[in-house]
Amino acid sequence: MPYCPDCFTEYVEGVAQCADCGTALVPGSPPEPPRRKVADLGNSELVRIRVFSGGTAQMDADLARNILETEGIPCVLPGETSAEVLPVLDVPLFVREEDAERATELLKSYLDEGEPLPSE
């Protein structure tokens, strides 16, 4: 199956151009995405700062991890593989003890302080 070398979208045979970005498709399958590097937490004590639950637990946990890693705070999501298979499982988020306060504040500002919905 051909795929777009820019956005990695796969297409059925016979399509020559990416519908999203217009790039010419190349034959074969797109490359595997790079595996996520495990955070180096050293010998630090880990503390749980948040637990994600419900049908969007894995997506919410991934978003939180991306926020923290962008800010230079390593974190661990034990059980994320289990949550992908059984989405009813909770996904806890752990950070180093010395990063806990900053990580909590960052996630609070990004995830908890959204704009209120307009009332009808």
PDB file of N, CA and C in Angstrom:
ATOM      1  N   MET A   1       0.838  -1.186   0.000  1.00  0.00           N
ATOM      2  CA  MET A   1       0.000   0.000   0.000  1.00  0.00           C
ATOM      3  C   MET A   1       0.882   1.250   0.000  1.00  0.00           C
ATOM      4  N   PRO A   2       0.567   2.215  -0.834  1.00  0.00           N
ATOM      5  CA  PRO A   2       1.363   3.448  -0.832  1.00  0.00           C
ATOM      6  C   PRO A   2       1.048   4.306   0.392  1.00  0.00           C
ATOM      7  N   TYR A   3       1.979   5.176   0.710  1.00  0.00           N
ATOM      8  CA  TYR A   3       1.779   6.083   1.845  1.00  0.00           C
ATOM      9  C   TYR A   3       2.442   7.422   1.551  1.00  0.00           C
ATOM     10  N   CYS A   4       2.049   8.415   2.310  1.00  0.00           N
ATOM     11  CA  CYS A   4       2.621   9.748   2.160  1.00  0.00           C
ATOM     12  C   CYS A   4       3.903   9.825   2.989  1.00  0.00           C
ATOM     13  N   PRO A   5       5.035  10.202   2.398  1.00  0.00           N
ATOM     14  CA  PRO A   5       6.286  10.276   3.156  1.00  0.00           C
ATOM     15  C   PRO A   5       6.338  11.476   4.109  1.00  0.00           C
ATOM     16  N   ASP A   6       5.394  12.403   3.982  1.00  0.00           N
ATOM     17  CA  ASP A   6       5.374  13.565   4.875  1.00  0.00           C
ATOM     18  C   ASP A   6       4.485  13.352   6.096  1.00  0.00           C
ATOM     19  N   CYS A   7       3.245  12.863   5.860  1.00  0.00           N
ATOM     20  CA  CYS A   7       2.327  12.709   7.001  1.00  0.00           C
ATOM     21  C   CYS A   7       2.076  11.246   7.361  1.00  0.00           C
ATOM     22  N   PHE A   8       2.656  10.311   6.609  1.00  0.00           N
ATOM     23  CA  PHE A   8       2.617   8.869   6.868  1.00  0.00           C
ATOM     24  C   PHE A   8       1.224   8.256   6.798  1.00  0.00           C
ATOM     25  N   THR A   9       0.289   8.918   6.120  1.00  0.00           N
ATOM     26  CA  THR A   9      -1.046   8.361   5.920  1.00  0.00           C
ATOM     27  C   THR A   9      -0.971   7.299   4.833  1.00  0.00           C
ATOM     28  N   GLU A  10      -1.609   6.137   5.080  1.00  0.00           N
ATOM     29  CA  GLU A  10      -1.618   5.058   4.095  1.00  0.00           C
ATOM     30  C   GLU A  10      -2.828   5.198   3.178  1.00  0.00           C
ATOM     31  N   TYR A  11      -2.649   4.791   1.931  1.00  0.00           N
ATOM     32  CA  TYR A  11      -3.713   4.869   0.938  1.00  0.00           C
ATOM     33  C   TYR A  11      -3.868   3.534   0.234  1.00  0.00           C
ATOM     34  N   VAL A  12      -5.016   3.341  -0.407  1.00  0.00           N
ATOM     35  CA  VAL A  12      -5.249   2.130  -1.196  1.00  0.00           C
ATOM     36  C   VAL A  12      -4.479   2.247  -2.506  1.00  0.00           C
ATOM     37  N   GLU A  13      -4.214   1.106  -3.115  1.00  0.00           N
ATOM     38  CA  GLU A  13      -3.504   1.082  -4.396  1.00  0.00           C
ATOM     39  C   GLU A  13      -4.261   1.922  -5.424  1.00  0.00           C
ATOM     40  N   GLY A  14      -3.523   2.615  -6.254  1.00  0.00           N
ATOM     41  CA  GLY A  14      -4.121   3.418  -7.304  1.00  0.00           C
ATOM     42  C   GLY A  14      -4.157   4.904  -6.987  1.00  0.00           C
ATOM     43  N   VAL A  15      -4.038   5.259  -5.732  1.00  0.00           N
ATOM     44  CA  VAL A  15      -3.998   6.672  -5.344  1.00  0.00           C
ATOM     45  C   VAL A  15      -2.559   7.135  -5.495  1.00  0.00           C
ATOM     46  N   ALA A  16      -2.351   8.304  -6.108  1.00  0.00           N
ATOM     47  CA  ALA A  16      -0.993   8.770  -6.387  1.00  0.00           C
ATOM     48  C   ALA A  16      -0.547   9.941  -5.531  1.00  0.00           C
ATOM     49  N   GLN A  17      -1.512  10.646  -4.916  1.00  0.00           N
ATOM     50  CA  GLN A  17      -1.180  11.873  -4.201  1.00  0.00           C
ATOM     51  C   GLN A  17      -1.914  11.910  -2.860  1.00  0.00           C
ATOM     52  N   CYS A  18      -1.244  12.451  -1.850  1.00  0.00           N
ATOM     53  CA  CYS A  18      -1.828  12.569  -0.512  1.00  0.00           C
ATOM     54  C   CYS A  18      -2.981  13.572  -0.542  1.00  0.00           C
ATOM     55  N   ALA A  19      -4.122  13.174  -0.024  1.00  0.00           N
ATOM     56  CA  ALA A  19      -5.294  14.052   0.006  1.00  0.00           C
ATOM     57  C   ALA A  19      -5.112  15.191   1.004  1.00  0.00           C
ATOM     58  N   ASP A  20      -4.276  14.996   2.013  1.00  0.00           N
ATOM     59  CA  ASP A  20      -4.089  16.017   3.045  1.00  0.00           C
ATOM     60  C   ASP A  20      -3.068  17.075   2.655  1.00  0.00           C
ATOM     61  N   CYS A  21      -1.904  16.633   2.135  1.00  0.00           N
ATOM     62  CA  CYS A  21      -0.824  17.598   1.896  1.00  0.00           C
ATOM     63  C   CYS A  21      -0.380  17.682   0.434  1.00  0.00           C
ATOM     64  N   GLY A  22      -0.931  16.826  -0.440  1.00  0.00           N
ATOM     65  CA  GLY A  22      -0.619  16.914  -1.855  1.00  0.00           C
ATOM     66  C   GLY A  22       0.687  16.281  -2.287  1.00  0.00           C
ATOM     67  N   THR A  23       1.416  15.656  -1.377  1.00  0.00           N
ATOM     68  CA  THR A  23       2.700  15.036  -1.694  1.00  0.00           C
ATOM     69  C   THR A  23       2.489  13.748  -2.485  1.00  0.00           C
ATOM     70  N   ALA A  24       3.397  13.450  -3.405  1.00  0.00           N
ATOM     71  CA  ALA A  24       3.345  12.199  -4.156  1.00  0.00           C
ATOM     72  C   ALA A  24       3.578  11.031  -3.202  1.00  0.00           C
ATOM     73  N   LEU A  25       2.751   9.996  -3.343  1.00  0.00           N
ATOM     74  CA  LEU A  25       2.866   8.828  -2.469  1.00  0.00           C
ATOM     75  C   LEU A  25       4.037   7.953  -2.891  1.00  0.00           C
ATOM     76  N   VAL A  26       4.564   7.200  -1.938  1.00  0.00           N
ATOM     77  CA  VAL A  26       5.649   6.258  -2.203  1.00  0.00           C
ATOM     78  C   VAL A  26       5.141   4.850  -1.905  1.00  0.00           C
ATOM     79  N   PRO A  27       5.697   3.831  -2.590  1.00  0.00           N
ATOM     80  CA  PRO A  27       5.231   2.463  -2.361  1.00  0.00           C
ATOM     81  C   PRO A  27       5.700   1.922  -1.010  1.00  0.00           C
ATOM     82  N   GLY A  28       4.959   0.922  -0.526  1.00  0.00           N
ATOM     83  CA  GLY A  28       5.339   0.262   0.717  1.00  0.00           C
ATOM     84  C   GLY A  28       4.529   0.747   1.901  1.00  0.00           C
ATOM     85  N   SER A  29       5.006   0.386   3.074  1.00  0.00           N
ATOM     86  CA  SER A  29       4.348   0.779   4.320  1.00  0.00           C
ATOM     87  C   SER A  29       5.146   1.875   4.999  1.00  0.00           C
ATOM     88  N   PRO A  30       4.472   2.743   5.747  1.00  0.00           N
ATOM     89  CA  PRO A  30       5.214   3.793   6.454  1.00  0.00           C
ATOM     90  C   PRO A  30       6.123   3.184   7.515  1.00  0.00           C
ATOM     91  N   PRO A  31       7.212   3.861   7.842  1.00  0.00           N
ATOM     92  CA  PRO A  31       8.109   3.337   8.876  1.00  0.00           C
ATOM     93  C   PRO A  31       7.412   3.317  10.236  1.00  0.00           C
ATOM     94  N   GLU A  32       7.878   2.426  11.078  1.00  0.00           N
ATOM     95  CA  GLU A  32       7.351   2.357  12.441  1.00  0.00           C
ATOM     96  C   GLU A  32       7.698   3.643  13.172  1.00  0.00           C
ATOM     97  N   PRO A  33       6.776   4.156  13.996  1.00  0.00           N
ATOM     98  CA  PRO A  33       7.119   5.353  14.776  1.00  0.00           C
ATOM     99  C   PRO A  33       8.216   5.016  15.778  1.00  0.00           C
ATOM    100  N   PRO A  34       9.063   5.979  16.106  1.00  0.00           N
ATOM    101  CA  PRO A  34      10.128   5.693  17.069  1.00  0.00           C
ATOM    102  C   PRO A  34       9.539   5.338  18.426  1.00  0.00           C
ATOM    103  N   ARG A  35      10.179   4.387  19.076  1.00  0.00           N
ATOM    104  CA  ARG A  35       9.712   3.993  20.406  1.00  0.00           C
ATOM    105  C   ARG A  35      10.024   5.097  21.382  1.00  0.00           C
ATOM    106  N   ARG A  36       9.098   5.299  22.311  1.00  0.00           N
ATOM    107  CA  ARG A  36       9.267   6.332  23.327  1.00  0.00           C
ATOM    108  C   ARG A  36      10.400   5.938  24.261  1.00  0.00           C
ATOM    109  N   LYS A  37      11.303   6.869  24.468  1.00  0.00           N
ATOM    110  CA  LYS A  37      12.429   6.635  25.356  1.00  0.00           C
ATOM    111  C   LYS A  37      11.932   6.638  26.802  1.00  0.00           C
ATOM    112  N   VAL A  38      12.383   5.686  27.579  1.00  0.00           N
ATOM    113  CA  VAL A  38      11.992   5.619  28.984  1.00  0.00           C
ATOM    114  C   VAL A  38      12.691   6.740  29.737  1.00  0.00           C
ATOM    115  N   ALA A  39      11.927   7.433  30.555  1.00  0.00           N
ATOM    116  CA  ALA A  39      12.473   8.565  31.314  1.00  0.00           C
ATOM    117  C   ALA A  39      13.554   8.089  32.272  1.00  0.00           C
ATOM    118  N   ASP A  40      14.630   8.853  32.350  1.00  0.00           N
ATOM    119  CA  ASP A  40      15.701   8.554  33.294  1.00  0.00           C
ATOM    120  C   ASP A  40      15.371   9.237  34.613  1.00  0.00           C
ATOM    121  N   LEU A  41      14.946   8.447  35.574  1.00  0.00           N
ATOM    122  CA  LEU A  41      14.549   8.990  36.865  1.00  0.00           C
ATOM    123  C   LEU A  41      15.606   8.767  37.932  1.00  0.00           C
ATOM    124  N   GLY A  42      16.716   8.143  37.543  1.00  0.00           N
ATOM    125  CA  GLY A  42      17.794   7.909  38.500  1.00  0.00           C
ATOM    126  C   GLY A  42      17.299   7.114  39.694  1.00  0.00           C
ATOM    127  N   ASN A  43      17.782   7.468  40.864  1.00  0.00           N
ATOM    128  CA  ASN A  43      17.368   6.801  42.098  1.00  0.00           C
ATOM    129  C   ASN A  43      16.359   7.634  42.871  1.00  0.00           C
ATOM    130  N   SER A  44      15.701   8.531  42.198  1.00  0.00           N
ATOM    131  CA  SER A  44      14.760   9.436  42.852  1.00  0.00           C
ATOM    132  C   SER A  44      13.536   8.690  43.366  1.00  0.00           C
ATOM    133  N   GLU A  45      12.981   9.204  44.427  1.00  0.00           N
ATOM    134  CA  GLU A  45      11.716   8.699  44.958  1.00  0.00           C
ATOM    135  C   GLU A  45      10.600   9.190  44.038  1.00  0.00           C
ATOM    136  N   LEU A  46       9.709   8.293  43.643  1.00  0.00           N
ATOM    137  CA  LEU A  46       8.603   8.677  42.773  1.00  0.00           C
ATOM    138  C   LEU A  46       7.352   8.927  43.598  1.00  0.00           C
ATOM    139  N   VAL A  47       6.583   9.926  43.182  1.00  0.00           N
ATOM    140  CA  VAL A  47       5.313  10.213  43.844  1.00  0.00           C
ATOM    141  C   VAL A  47       4.223  10.290  42.776  1.00  0.00           C
ATOM    142  N   ARG A  48       3.057   9.815  43.148  1.00  0.00           N
ATOM    143  CA  ARG A  48       1.916   9.873  42.232  1.00  0.00           C
ATOM    144  C   ARG A  48       1.275  11.251  42.358  1.00  0.00           C
ATOM    145  N   ILE A  49       1.124  11.931  41.231  1.00  0.00           N
ATOM    146  CA  ILE A  49       0.535  13.268  41.287  1.00  0.00           C
ATOM    147  C   ILE A  49      -0.861  13.321  40.682  1.00  0.00           C
ATOM    148  N   ARG A  50      -1.239  12.283  39.940  1.00  0.00           N
ATOM    149  CA  ARG A  50      -2.554  12.304  39.313  1.00  0.00           C
ATOM    150  C   ARG A  50      -2.904  10.896  38.858  1.00  0.00           C
ATOM    151  N   VAL A  51      -4.199  10.598  38.826  1.00  0.00           N
ATOM    152  CA  VAL A  51      -4.688   9.333  38.286  1.00  0.00           C
ATOM    153  C   VAL A  51      -5.748   9.667  37.240  1.00  0.00           C
ATOM    154  N   PHE A  52      -5.585   9.108  36.058  1.00  0.00           N
ATOM    155  CA  PHE A  52      -6.533   9.323  34.977  1.00  0.00           C
ATOM    156  C   PHE A  52      -7.450   8.112  34.893  1.00  0.00           C
ATOM    157  N   SER A  53      -8.732   8.343  34.706  1.00  0.00           N
ATOM    158  CA  SER A  53      -9.673   7.225  34.635  1.00  0.00           C
ATOM    159  C   SER A  53     -10.738   7.503  33.586  1.00  0.00           C
ATOM    160  N   GLY A  54     -11.485   6.478  33.284  1.00  0.00           N
ATOM    161  CA  GLY A  54     -12.544   6.607  32.291  1.00  0.00           C
ATOM    162  C   GLY A  54     -12.067   6.242  30.905  1.00  0.00           C
ATOM    163  N   GLY A  55     -12.941   6.417  29.956  1.00  0.00           N
ATOM    164  CA  GLY A  55     -12.661   6.032  28.579  1.00  0.00           C
ATOM    165  C   GLY A  55     -11.535   6.802  27.925  1.00  0.00           C
ATOM    166  N   THR A  56     -11.234   7.999  28.424  1.00  0.00           N
ATOM    167  CA  THR A  56     -10.155   8.807  27.838  1.00  0.00           C
ATOM    168  C   THR A  56      -8.898   8.808  28.702  1.00  0.00           C
ATOM    169  N   ALA A  57      -8.816   7.888  29.651  1.00  0.00           N
ATOM    170  CA  ALA A  57      -7.687   7.871  30.589  1.00  0.00           C
ATOM    171  C   ALA A  57      -6.343   7.836  29.876  1.00  0.00           C
ATOM    172  N   GLN A  58      -6.193   6.956  28.901  1.00  0.00           N
ATOM    173  CA  GLN A  58      -4.908   6.829  28.216  1.00  0.00           C
ATOM    174  C   GLN A  58      -4.575   8.088  27.424  1.00  0.00           C
ATOM    175  N   MET A  59      -5.564   8.641  26.747  1.00  0.00           N
ATOM    176  CA  MET A  59      -5.344   9.860  25.973  1.00  0.00           C
ATOM    177  C   MET A  59      -4.986  11.033  26.900  1.00  0.00           C
ATOM    178  N   ASP A  60      -5.695  11.159  28.017  1.00  0.00           N
ATOM    179  CA  ASP A  60      -5.411  12.228  28.977  1.00  0.00           C
ATOM    180  C   ASP A  60      -4.025  12.063  29.592  1.00  0.00           C
ATOM    181  N   ALA A  61      -3.662  10.816  29.913  1.00  0.00           N
ATOM    182  CA  ALA A  61      -2.347  10.546  30.496  1.00  0.00           C
ATOM    183  C   ALA A  61      -1.232  10.862  29.499  1.00  0.00           C
ATOM    184  N   ASP A  62      -1.434  10.510  28.232  1.00  0.00           N
ATOM    185  CA  ASP A  62      -0.438  10.830  27.197  1.00  0.00           C
ATOM    186  C   ASP A  62      -0.269  12.338  27.043  1.00  0.00           C
ATOM    187  N   LEU A  63      -1.375  13.069  27.085  1.00  0.00           N
ATOM    188  CA  LEU A  63      -1.312  14.525  26.999  1.00  0.00           C
ATOM    189  C   LEU A  63      -0.519  15.090  28.173  1.00  0.00           C
ATOM    190  N   ALA A  64      -0.814  14.595  29.379  1.00  0.00           N
ATOM    191  CA  ALA A  64      -0.093  15.064  30.569  1.00  0.00           C
ATOM    192  C   ALA A  64       1.396  14.753  30.458  1.00  0.00           C
ATOM    193  N   ARG A  65       1.725  13.554  29.994  1.00  0.00           N
ATOM    194  CA  ARG A  65       3.135  13.183  29.840  1.00  0.00           C
ATOM    195  C   ARG A  65       3.824  14.117  28.848  1.00  0.00           C
ATOM    196  N   ASN A  66       3.167  14.411  27.737  1.00  0.00           N
ATOM    197  CA  ASN A  66       3.754  15.310  26.741  1.00  0.00           C
ATOM    198  C   ASN A  66       3.975  16.704  27.307  1.00  0.00           C
ATOM    199  N   ILE A  67       3.039  17.198  28.084  1.00  0.00           N
ATOM    200  CA  ILE A  67       3.182  18.511  28.720  1.00  0.00           C
ATOM    201  C   ILE A  67       4.399  18.516  29.630  1.00  0.00           C
ATOM    202  N   LEU A  68       4.493  17.503  30.493  1.00  0.00           N
ATOM    203  CA  LEU A  68       5.600  17.455  31.454  1.00  0.00           C
ATOM    204  C   LEU A  68       6.943  17.274  30.751  1.00  0.00           C
ATOM    205  N   GLU A  69       7.011  16.384  29.773  1.00  0.00           N
ATOM    206  CA  GLU A  69       8.278  16.156  29.078  1.00  0.00           C
ATOM    207  C   GLU A  69       8.719  17.396  28.311  1.00  0.00           C
ATOM    208  N   THR A  70       7.778  18.139  27.764  1.00  0.00           N
ATOM    209  CA  THR A  70       8.104  19.389  27.077  1.00  0.00           C
ATOM    210  C   THR A  70       8.717  20.388  28.045  1.00  0.00           C
ATOM    211  N   GLU A  71       8.286  20.345  29.291  1.00  0.00           N
ATOM    212  CA  GLU A  71       8.805  21.244  30.323  1.00  0.00           C
ATOM    213  C   GLU A  71      10.042  20.674  31.020  1.00  0.00           C
ATOM    214  N   GLY A  72      10.533  19.521  30.542  1.00  0.00           N
ATOM    215  CA  GLY A  72      11.749  18.936  31.101  1.00  0.00           C
ATOM    216  C   GLY A  72      11.540  18.130  32.366  1.00  0.00           C
ATOM    217  N   ILE A  73      10.312  17.705  32.621  1.00  0.00           N
ATOM    218  CA  ILE A  73      10.014  16.909  33.816  1.00  0.00           C
ATOM    219  C   ILE A  73       9.778  15.465  33.385  1.00  0.00           C
ATOM    220  N   PRO A  74      10.695  14.552  33.749  1.00  0.00           N
ATOM    221  CA  PRO A  74      10.481  13.150  33.398  1.00  0.00           C
ATOM    222  C   PRO A  74       9.334  12.566  34.217  1.00  0.00           C
ATOM    223  N   CYS A  75       8.604  11.636  33.619  1.00  0.00           N
ATOM    224  CA  CYS A  75       7.484  11.021  34.325  1.00  0.00           C
ATOM    225  C   CYS A  75       7.302   9.585  33.856  1.00  0.00           C
ATOM    226  N   VAL A  76       6.488   8.851  34.603  1.00  0.00           N
ATOM    227  CA  VAL A  76       6.236   7.444  34.315  1.00  0.00           C
ATOM    228  C   VAL A  76       4.734   7.207  34.374  1.00  0.00           C
ATOM    229  N   LEU A  77       4.243   6.438  33.412  1.00  0.00           N
ATOM    230  CA  LEU A  77       2.838   6.030  33.385  1.00  0.00           C
ATOM    231  C   LEU A  77       2.771   4.509  33.476  1.00  0.00           C
ATOM    232  N   PRO A  78       2.942   3.941  34.671  1.00  0.00           N
ATOM    233  CA  PRO A  78       2.855   2.482  34.767  1.00  0.00           C
ATOM    234  C   PRO A  78       1.424   2.047  34.464  1.00  0.00           C
ATOM    235  N   GLY A  79       1.293   0.955  33.779  1.00  0.00           N
ATOM    236  CA  GLY A  79      -0.040   0.450  33.467  1.00  0.00           C
ATOM    237  C   GLY A  79      -0.624   1.010  32.193  1.00  0.00           C
ATOM    238  N   GLU A  80       0.133   1.834  31.452  1.00  0.00           N
ATOM    239  CA  GLU A  80      -0.437   2.418  30.236  1.00  0.00           C
ATOM    240  C   GLU A  80      -0.757   1.351  29.202  1.00  0.00           C
ATOM    241  N   THR A  81       0.040   0.306  29.121  1.00  0.00           N
ATOM    242  CA  THR A  81      -0.234  -0.759  28.164  1.00  0.00           C
ATOM    243  C   THR A  81      -1.515  -1.489  28.536  1.00  0.00           C
ATOM    244  N   SER A  82      -1.706  -1.729  29.828  1.00  0.00           N
ATOM    245  CA  SER A  82      -2.930  -2.384  30.286  1.00  0.00           C
ATOM    246  C   SER A  82      -4.146  -1.530  29.995  1.00  0.00           C
ATOM    247  N   ALA A  83      -4.016  -0.216  30.148  1.00  0.00           N
ATOM    248  CA  ALA A  83      -5.141   0.692  29.901  1.00  0.00           C
ATOM    249  C   ALA A  83      -5.514   0.731  28.427  1.00  0.00           C
ATOM    250  N   GLU A  84      -4.546   0.485  27.544  1.00  0.00           N
ATOM    251  CA  GLU A  84      -4.862   0.445  26.116  1.00  0.00           C
ATOM    252  C   GLU A  84      -5.707  -0.779  25.797  1.00  0.00           C
ATOM    253  N   VAL A  85      -5.421  -1.893  26.473  1.00  0.00           N
ATOM    254  CA  VAL A  85      -6.158  -3.129  26.245  1.00  0.00           C
ATOM    255  C   VAL A  85      -7.496  -3.098  26.973  1.00  0.00           C
ATOM    256  N   LEU A  86      -7.484  -2.634  28.218  1.00  0.00           N
ATOM    257  CA  LEU A  86      -8.688  -2.536  29.044  1.00  0.00           C
ATOM    258  C   LEU A  86      -8.899  -1.080  29.430  1.00  0.00           C
ATOM    259  N   PRO A  87      -9.608  -0.312  28.616  1.00  0.00           N
ATOM    260  CA  PRO A  87      -9.707   1.131  28.849  1.00  0.00           C
ATOM    261  C   PRO A  87     -10.444   1.532  30.117  1.00  0.00           C
ATOM    262  N   VAL A  88     -10.962   0.572  30.876  1.00  0.00           N
ATOM    263  CA  VAL A  88     -11.628   0.924  32.137  1.00  0.00           C
ATOM    264  C   VAL A  88     -10.629   1.032  33.284  1.00  0.00           C
ATOM    265  N   LEU A  89      -9.370   0.662  33.037  1.00  0.00           N
ATOM    266  CA  LEU A  89      -8.357   0.729  34.087  1.00  0.00           C
ATOM    267  C   LEU A  89      -7.846   2.148  34.263  1.00  0.00           C
ATOM    268  N   ASP A  90      -7.498   2.481  35.504  1.00  0.00           N
ATOM    269  CA  ASP A  90      -6.917   3.784  35.805  1.00  0.00           C
ATOM    270  C   ASP A  90      -5.455   3.821  35.375  1.00  0.00           C
ATOM    271  N   VAL A  91      -4.979   5.018  35.026  1.00  0.00           N
ATOM    272  CA  VAL A  91      -3.581   5.212  34.637  1.00  0.00           C
ATOM    273  C   VAL A  91      -2.979   6.252  35.579  1.00  0.00           C
ATOM    274  N   PRO A  92      -2.137   5.811  36.528  1.00  0.00           N
ATOM    275  CA  PRO A  92      -1.499   6.772  37.435  1.00  0.00           C
ATOM    276  C   PRO A  92      -0.293   7.437  36.765  1.00  0.00           C
ATOM    277  N   LEU A  93      -0.001   8.654  37.188  1.00  0.00           N
ATOM    278  CA  LEU A  93       1.136   9.412  36.667  1.00  0.00           C
ATOM    279  C   LEU A  93       2.086   9.696  37.815  1.00  0.00           C
ATOM    280  N   PHE A  94       3.342   9.260  37.656  1.00  0.00           N
ATOM    281  CA  PHE A  94       4.362   9.448  38.682  1.00  0.00           C
ATOM    282  C   PHE A  94       5.462  10.375  38.175  1.00  0.00           C
ATOM    283  N   VAL A  95       5.977  11.198  39.079  1.00  0.00           N
ATOM    284  CA  VAL A  95       7.131  12.055  38.795  1.00  0.00           C
ATOM    285  C   VAL A  95       8.101  11.941  39.961  1.00  0.00           C
ATOM    286  N   ARG A  96       9.307  12.477  39.762  1.00  0.00           N
ATOM    287  CA  ARG A  96      10.265  12.514  40.868  1.00  0.00           C
ATOM    288  C   ARG A  96       9.712  13.415  41.965  1.00  0.00           C
ATOM    289  N   GLU A  97      10.028  13.066  43.191  1.00  0.00           N
ATOM    290  CA  GLU A  97       9.530  13.833  44.331  1.00  0.00           C
ATOM    291  C   GLU A  97       9.895  15.312  44.210  1.00  0.00           C
ATOM    292  N   GLU A  98      11.120  15.590  43.744  1.00  0.00           N
ATOM    293  CA  GLU A  98      11.554  16.990  43.640  1.00  0.00           C
ATOM    294  C   GLU A  98      10.826  17.756  42.524  1.00  0.00           C
ATOM    295  N   ASP A  99      10.166  17.044  41.604  1.00  0.00           N
ATOM    296  CA  ASP A  99       9.418  17.691  40.521  1.00  0.00           C
ATOM    297  C   ASP A  99       7.917  17.755  40.786  1.00  0.00           C
ATOM    298  N   ALA A 100       7.461  17.136  41.863  1.00  0.00           N
ATOM    299  CA  ALA A 100       6.024  16.958  42.086  1.00  0.00           C
ATOM    300  C   ALA A 100       5.248  18.271  42.139  1.00  0.00           C
ATOM    301  N   GLU A 101       5.742  19.240  42.877  1.00  0.00           N
ATOM    302  CA  GLU A 101       4.997  20.495  43.027  1.00  0.00           C
ATOM    303  C   GLU A 101       4.868  21.221  41.686  1.00  0.00           C
ATOM    304  N   ARG A 102       5.984  21.339  40.979  1.00  0.00           N
ATOM    305  CA  ARG A 102       5.965  22.030  39.678  1.00  0.00           C
ATOM    306  C   ARG A 102       5.097  21.271  38.675  1.00  0.00           C
ATOM    307  N   ALA A 103       5.216  19.944  38.657  1.00  0.00           N
ATOM    308  CA  ALA A 103       4.428  19.135  37.728  1.00  0.00           C
ATOM    309  C   ALA A 103       2.935  19.270  38.015  1.00  0.00           C
ATOM    310  N   THR A 104       2.574  19.268  39.284  1.00  0.00           N
ATOM    311  CA  THR A 104       1.170  19.415  39.667  1.00  0.00           C
ATOM    312  C   THR A 104       0.623  20.754  39.196  1.00  0.00           C
ATOM    313  N   GLU A 105       1.389  21.809  39.399  1.00  0.00           N
ATOM    314  CA  GLU A 105       0.951  23.147  38.977  1.00  0.00           C
ATOM    315  C   GLU A 105       0.832  23.246  37.453  1.00  0.00           C
ATOM    316  N   LEU A 106       1.797  22.672  36.738  1.00  0.00           N
ATOM    317  CA  LEU A 106       1.737  22.694  35.274  1.00  0.00           C
ATOM    318  C   LEU A 106       0.488  21.991  34.756  1.00  0.00           C
ATOM    319  N   LEU A 107       0.236  20.792  35.275  1.00  0.00           N
ATOM    320  CA  LEU A 107      -0.929  20.048  34.809  1.00  0.00           C
ATOM    321  C   LEU A 107      -2.220  20.750  35.192  1.00  0.00           C
ATOM    322  N   LYS A 108      -2.227  21.340  36.364  1.00  0.00           N
ATOM    323  CA  LYS A 108      -3.416  22.075  36.796  1.00  0.00           C
ATOM    324  C   LYS A 108      -3.688  23.221  35.828  1.00  0.00           C
ATOM    325  N   SER A 109      -2.644  23.958  35.456  1.00  0.00           N
ATOM    326  CA  SER A 109      -2.844  25.101  34.565  1.00  0.00           C
ATOM    327  C   SER A 109      -3.253  24.666  33.155  1.00  0.00           C
ATOM    328  N   TYR A 110      -2.719  23.543  32.674  1.00  0.00           N
ATOM    329  CA  TYR A 110      -3.053  23.087  31.327  1.00  0.00           C
ATOM    330  C   TYR A 110      -4.366  22.314  31.269  1.00  0.00           C
ATOM    331  N   LEU A 111      -4.606  21.470  32.259  1.00  0.00           N
ATOM    332  CA  LEU A 111      -5.728  20.542  32.171  1.00  0.00           C
ATOM    333  C   LEU A 111      -6.959  20.955  32.969  1.00  0.00           C
ATOM    334  N   ASP A 112      -6.772  21.701  34.034  1.00  0.00           N
ATOM    335  CA  ASP A 112      -7.893  21.964  34.934  1.00  0.00           C
ATOM    336  C   ASP A 112      -8.473  23.364  34.834  1.00  0.00           C
ATOM    337  N   GLU A 113      -7.749  24.293  34.251  1.00  0.00           N
ATOM    338  CA  GLU A 113      -8.211  25.677  34.248  1.00  0.00           C
ATOM    339  C   GLU A 113      -8.618  26.133  32.860  1.00  0.00           C
ATOM    340  N   GLY A 114      -9.422  25.297  32.207  1.00  0.00           N
ATOM    341  CA  GLY A 114      -9.896  25.655  30.877  1.00  0.00           C
ATOM    342  C   GLY A 114     -10.965  26.731  30.939  1.00  0.00           C
ATOM    343  N   GLU A 115     -11.302  27.235  29.783  1.00  0.00           N
ATOM    344  CA  GLU A 115     -12.352  28.244  29.691  1.00  0.00           C
ATOM    345  C   GLU A 115     -13.687  27.602  30.063  1.00  0.00           C
ATOM    346  N   PRO A 116     -14.514  28.290  30.842  1.00  0.00           N
ATOM    347  CA  PRO A 116     -15.829  27.732  31.165  1.00  0.00           C
ATOM    348  C   PRO A 116     -16.696  27.663  29.909  1.00  0.00           C
ATOM    349  N   LEU A 117     -17.548  26.661  29.867  1.00  0.00           N
ATOM    350  CA  LEU A 117     -18.455  26.521  28.738  1.00  0.00           C
ATOM    351  C   LEU A 117     -19.534  27.590  28.823  1.00  0.00           C
ATOM    352  N   PRO A 118     -19.956  28.137  27.700  1.00  0.00           N
ATOM    353  CA  PRO A 118     -21.018  29.146  27.744  1.00  0.00           C
ATOM    354  C   PRO A 118     -22.322  28.516  28.203  1.00  0.00           C
ATOM    355  N   SER A 119     -23.058  29.235  29.031  1.00  0.00           N
ATOM    356  CA  SER A 119     -24.335  28.703  29.508  1.00  0.00           C
ATOM    357  C   SER A 119     -25.401  28.957  28.457  1.00  0.00           C
ATOM    358  N   GLU A 120     -26.354  28.064  28.410  1.00  0.00           N
ATOM    359  CA  GLU A 120     -27.408  28.196  27.393  1.00  0.00           C
ATOM    360  C   GLU A 120     -28.557  28.990  27.935  1.00  0.00           C
TER     361      GLU A 120
END
